[in-house]
C-alpha atoms as a PDB file:
ATOM      1  CA  MET A   1       9.934  13.705 -22.394  1.00  0.00           C
ATOM      2  CA  LYS A   2       6.917  15.225 -20.642  1.00  0.00           C
ATOM      3  CA  VAL A   3       6.188  13.630 -17.229  1.00  0.00           C
ATOM      4  CA  PHE A   4       3.262  14.081 -14.829  1.00  0.00           C
ATOM      5  CA  LEU A   5       3.682  13.556 -11.095  1.00  0.00           C
ATOM      6  CA  ILE A   6       0.272  13.117  -9.471  1.00  0.00           C
ATOM      7  CA  ASP A   7       0.407  12.852  -5.709  1.00  0.00           C
ATOM      8  CA  ASP A   8      -1.535  14.804  -3.067  1.00  0.00           C
ATOM      9  CA  GLN A   9       1.548  15.037  -0.861  1.00  0.00           C
ATOM     10  CA  LYS A  10       3.628  18.044  -1.912  1.00  0.00           C
ATOM     11  CA  ILE A  11       6.869  16.741  -0.374  1.00  0.00           C
ATOM     12  CA  THR A  12       6.515  13.520  -2.449  1.00  0.00           C
ATOM     13  CA  ASN A  13       6.265  15.484  -5.618  1.00  0.00           C
ATOM     14  CA  VAL A  14       9.214  17.714  -4.668  1.00  0.00           C
ATOM     15  CA  LEU A  15      11.403  14.717  -3.944  1.00  0.00           C
ATOM     16  CA  ASN A  16      10.352  12.850  -7.085  1.00  0.00           C
ATOM     17  CA  ARG A  17      10.917  15.942  -9.239  1.00  0.00           C
ATOM     18  CA  LYS A  18      14.454  16.260  -7.743  1.00  0.00           C
ATOM     19  CA  TYR A  19      15.359  12.665  -8.483  1.00  0.00           C
ATOM     20  CA  LEU A  20      13.971  12.789 -11.999  1.00  0.00           C
ATOM     21  CA  SER A  21      15.724  16.121 -12.747  1.00  0.00           C
ATOM     22  CA  MET A  22      19.055  14.697 -11.485  1.00  0.00           C
ATOM     23  CA  LEU A  23      18.680  11.701 -13.808  1.00  0.00           C
ATOM     24  CA  ARG A  24      17.626  13.432 -17.003  1.00  0.00           C
ATOM     25  CA  SER A  25      17.829  17.085 -17.972  1.00  0.00           C
ATOM     26  CA  ASP A  26      15.445  16.611 -20.909  1.00  0.00           C
ATOM     27  CA  LEU A  27      12.393  15.911 -18.701  1.00  0.00           C
ATOM     28  CA  ASP A  28       9.562  18.401 -18.698  1.00  0.00           C
ATOM     29  CA  ILE A  29       8.020  17.664 -15.336  1.00  0.00           C
ATOM     30  CA  TYR A  30       4.531  18.778 -14.218  1.00  0.00           C
ATOM     31  CA  ASP A  31       3.478  18.012 -10.656  1.00  0.00           C
ATOM     32  CA  PHE A  32      -0.105  17.973  -9.366  1.00  0.00           C
ATOM     33  CA  GLU A  33      -1.272  17.730  -5.807  1.00  0.00           C
ATOM     34  CA  ASN A  34      -4.856  17.894  -7.049  1.00  0.00           C
ATOM     35  CA  PRO A  35      -5.614  14.867  -9.277  1.00  0.00           C
ATOM     36  CA  LEU A  36      -8.586  16.675 -10.810  1.00  0.00           C
ATOM     37  CA  LEU A  37      -6.333  19.331 -12.251  1.00  0.00           C
ATOM     38  CA  ALA A  38      -4.019  16.541 -13.609  1.00  0.00           C
ATOM     39  CA  VAL A  39      -6.977  14.871 -15.301  1.00  0.00           C
ATOM     40  CA  GLN A  40      -7.967  18.232 -16.865  1.00  0.00           C
ATOM     41  CA  ALA A  41      -4.434  18.727 -18.152  1.00  0.00           C
ATOM     42  CA  LEU A  42      -4.017  15.270 -19.618  1.00  0.00           C
ATOM     43  CA  LYS A  43      -5.301  15.907 -23.138  1.00  0.00           C
ATOM     44  CA  ALA A  44      -3.873  19.425 -23.423  1.00  0.00           C
ATOM     45  CA  GLU A  45      -0.353  18.555 -22.196  1.00  0.00           C
ATOM     46  CA  ASN A  46      -0.196  14.984 -23.506  1.00  0.00           C
ATOM     47  CA  PRO A  47       2.467  13.609 -21.166  1.00  0.00           C
ATOM     48  CA  GLU A  48       4.578  10.591 -22.167  1.00  0.00           C
ATOM     49  CA  LEU A  49       4.746   9.158 -18.636  1.00  0.00           C
ATOM     50  CA  ILE A  50       2.746   9.495 -15.424  1.00  0.00           C
ATOM     51  CA  PHE A  51       3.753   8.694 -11.854  1.00  0.00           C
ATOM     52  CA  LEU A  52       0.513   8.224  -9.975  1.00  0.00           C
ATOM     53  CA  ASP A  53      -0.389   7.806  -6.293  1.00  0.00           C
ATOM     54  CA  ILE A  54      -3.489   5.705  -5.507  1.00  0.00           C
ATOM     55  CA  ASN A  55      -4.847   7.131  -2.186  1.00  0.00           C
ATOM     56  CA  MET A  56      -5.748  10.752  -2.751  1.00  0.00           C
ATOM     57  CA  PRO A  57      -8.740  12.949  -1.922  1.00  0.00           C
ATOM     58  CA  ILE A  58     -11.042  14.355  -4.664  1.00  0.00           C
ATOM     59  CA  LEU A  59     -10.031  11.634  -7.116  1.00  0.00           C
ATOM     60  CA  THR A  60      -8.173   8.445  -6.329  1.00  0.00           C
ATOM     61  CA  GLY A  61      -5.519   7.011  -8.599  1.00  0.00           C
ATOM     62  CA  TRP A  62      -8.133   4.432  -9.642  1.00  0.00           C
ATOM     63  CA  ASP A  63     -10.430   7.228 -10.697  1.00  0.00           C
ATOM     64  CA  VAL A  64      -7.660   8.718 -12.808  1.00  0.00           C
ATOM     65  CA  LEU A  65      -6.907   5.369 -14.458  1.00  0.00           C
ATOM     66  CA  THR A  66     -10.581   4.800 -15.109  1.00  0.00           C
ATOM     67  CA  PHE A  67     -10.910   8.253 -16.710  1.00  0.00           C
ATOM     68  CA  MET A  68      -7.929   7.491 -18.900  1.00  0.00           C
ATOM     69  CA  ASN A  69      -9.385   4.163 -19.911  1.00  0.00           C
ATOM     70  CA  GLU A  70     -12.825   5.654 -20.691  1.00  0.00           C
ATOM     71  CA  HIS A  71     -11.230   8.403 -22.837  1.00  0.00           C
ATOM     72  CA  GLU A  72      -8.760   6.041 -24.512  1.00  0.00           C
ATOM     73  CA  ILE A  73      -5.725   7.907 -23.099  1.00  0.00           C
ATOM     74  CA  ASN A  74      -2.970   5.323 -23.386  1.00  0.00           C
ATOM     75  CA  ILE A  75      -0.022   6.813 -21.524  1.00  0.00           C
ATOM     76  CA  PRO A  76       2.263   4.600 -19.456  1.00  0.00           C
ATOM     77  CA  VAL A  77       1.540   4.911 -15.754  1.00  0.00           C
ATOM     78  CA  ILE A  78       3.831   3.985 -12.906  1.00  0.00           C
ATOM     79  CA  ILE A  79       1.881   3.669  -9.678  1.00  0.00           C
ATOM     80  CA  LEU A  80       3.826   4.992  -6.718  1.00  0.00           C
ATOM     81  CA  THR A  81       1.968   4.182  -3.553  1.00  0.00           C
ATOM     82  CA  SER A  82       2.339   3.447   0.127  1.00  0.00           C
ATOM     83  CA  SER A  83      -0.115   0.592  -0.229  1.00  0.00           C
ATOM     84  CA  SER A  84       1.465  -2.842  -0.060  1.00  0.00           C
ATOM     85  CA  SER A  85      -1.965  -4.520  -0.524  1.00  0.00           C
ATOM     86  CA  SER A  86      -2.071  -7.434  -2.861  1.00  0.00           C
ATOM     87  CA  ILE A  87      -5.627  -6.283  -3.693  1.00  0.00           C
ATOM     88  CA  ASP A  88      -4.258  -3.014  -5.029  1.00  0.00           C
ATOM     89  CA  ARG A  89      -1.437  -4.762  -6.889  1.00  0.00           C
ATOM     90  CA  ASP A  90      -3.969  -7.085  -8.543  1.00  0.00           C
ATOM     91  CA  LYS A  91      -6.321  -4.205  -9.366  1.00  0.00           C
ATOM     92  CA  ALA A  92      -3.500  -2.329 -11.110  1.00  0.00           C
ATOM     93  CA  LYS A  93      -3.064  -5.264 -13.467  1.00  0.00           C
ATOM     94  CA  LEU A  94      -6.610  -4.664 -14.743  1.00  0.00           C
ATOM     95  CA  PHE A  95      -5.423  -1.356 -16.396  1.00  0.00           C
ATOM     96  CA  GLN A  96      -3.485  -1.925 -19.611  1.00  0.00           C
ATOM     97  CA  ASN A  97      -1.506   1.296 -19.297  1.00  0.00           C
ATOM     98  CA  VAL A  98      -0.109   0.527 -15.819  1.00  0.00           C
ATOM     99  CA  PHE A  99       3.538  -0.074 -16.557  1.00  0.00           C
ATOM    100  CA  SER A 100       4.687  -0.766 -12.968  1.00  0.00           C
ATOM    101  CA  PHE A 101       3.452  -0.825  -9.386  1.00  0.00           C
ATOM    102  CA  GLN A 102       6.027   0.546  -6.952  1.00  0.00           C
ATOM    103  CA  LEU A 103       6.085   1.310  -3.252  1.00  0.00           C
ATOM    104  CA  LYS A 104       7.058   4.780  -2.242  1.00  0.00           C
ATOM    105  CA  PRO A 105       9.375   6.373  -1.514  1.00  0.00           C
ATOM    106  CA  LEU A 106      11.237   5.399  -4.672  1.00  0.00           C
ATOM    107  CA  THR A 107      15.022   5.850  -4.711  1.00  0.00           C
ATOM    108  CA  LYS A 108      17.028   7.700  -7.381  1.00  0.00           C
ATOM    109  CA  GLU A 109      18.166   4.232  -8.589  1.00  0.00           C
ATOM    110  CA  GLY A 110      14.570   3.089  -8.739  1.00  0.00           C
ATOM    111  CA  PHE A 111      13.608   6.028 -10.888  1.00  0.00           C
ATOM    112  CA  SER A 112      16.602   5.451 -13.125  1.00  0.00           C
ATOM    113  CA  ARG A 113      15.644   1.794 -13.652  1.00  0.00           C
ATOM    114  CA  LEU A 114      12.014   2.685 -14.418  1.00  0.00           C
ATOM    115  CA  LEU A 115      12.905   5.454 -16.838  1.00  0.00           C
ATOM    116  CA  ASP A 116      15.234   3.101 -18.690  1.00  0.00           C
ATOM    117  CA  ASP A 117      12.535   0.412 -18.839  1.00  0.00           C
ATOM    118  CA  VAL A 118       9.903   2.826 -20.160  1.00  0.00           C
ATOM    119  CA  VAL A 119      12.276   4.148 -22.842  1.00  0.00           C
ATOM    120  CA  LYS A 120      13.206   0.608 -23.942  1.00  0.00           C
ATOM    121  CA  LYS A 121       9.552  -0.345 -24.177  1.00  0.00           C
ATOM    122  CA  ARG A 122       8.749   2.686 -26.360  1.00  0.00           C
ATOM    123  CA  ILE A 123      11.519   1.862 -28.866  1.00  0.00           C
END
C-alpha cells in the first residue's frame, strides 16, 4: 500500500513513518514537508492513503483537499492536526474523502487502528 505523509514538520513525518513501518512492512511511504510537492506527486504516484496536516505554509491541508476535490482524486485522507477546533472538525466533514480527523501526535496503536479501519472499508 502506498502512503503519503504530508506535514511541514520533519520530525512528525519521521515519527509517523517509524510507527507505520513498525506496523506493516508492505507500506511504501512517501513523506512531504512541502505540500505543493505532494500535490504534484498525487497523480503520478497514486497513493492509496494520505495522512495530512492542516496548518502548513505554501498550501494548507484545506488547499490540498480542495485540489483533490477539483481534480476528482478520491483517495482516503486521515487528517492529523494539532487543531482541536470544532470549526476545523466540521470543515473536514465537507470533504468526502476525509476518512478520519485525528489530533497529533498519533500513537502506534492509533495508527494500527486507523490502518485496520481503512483496509476494512476498502474491502
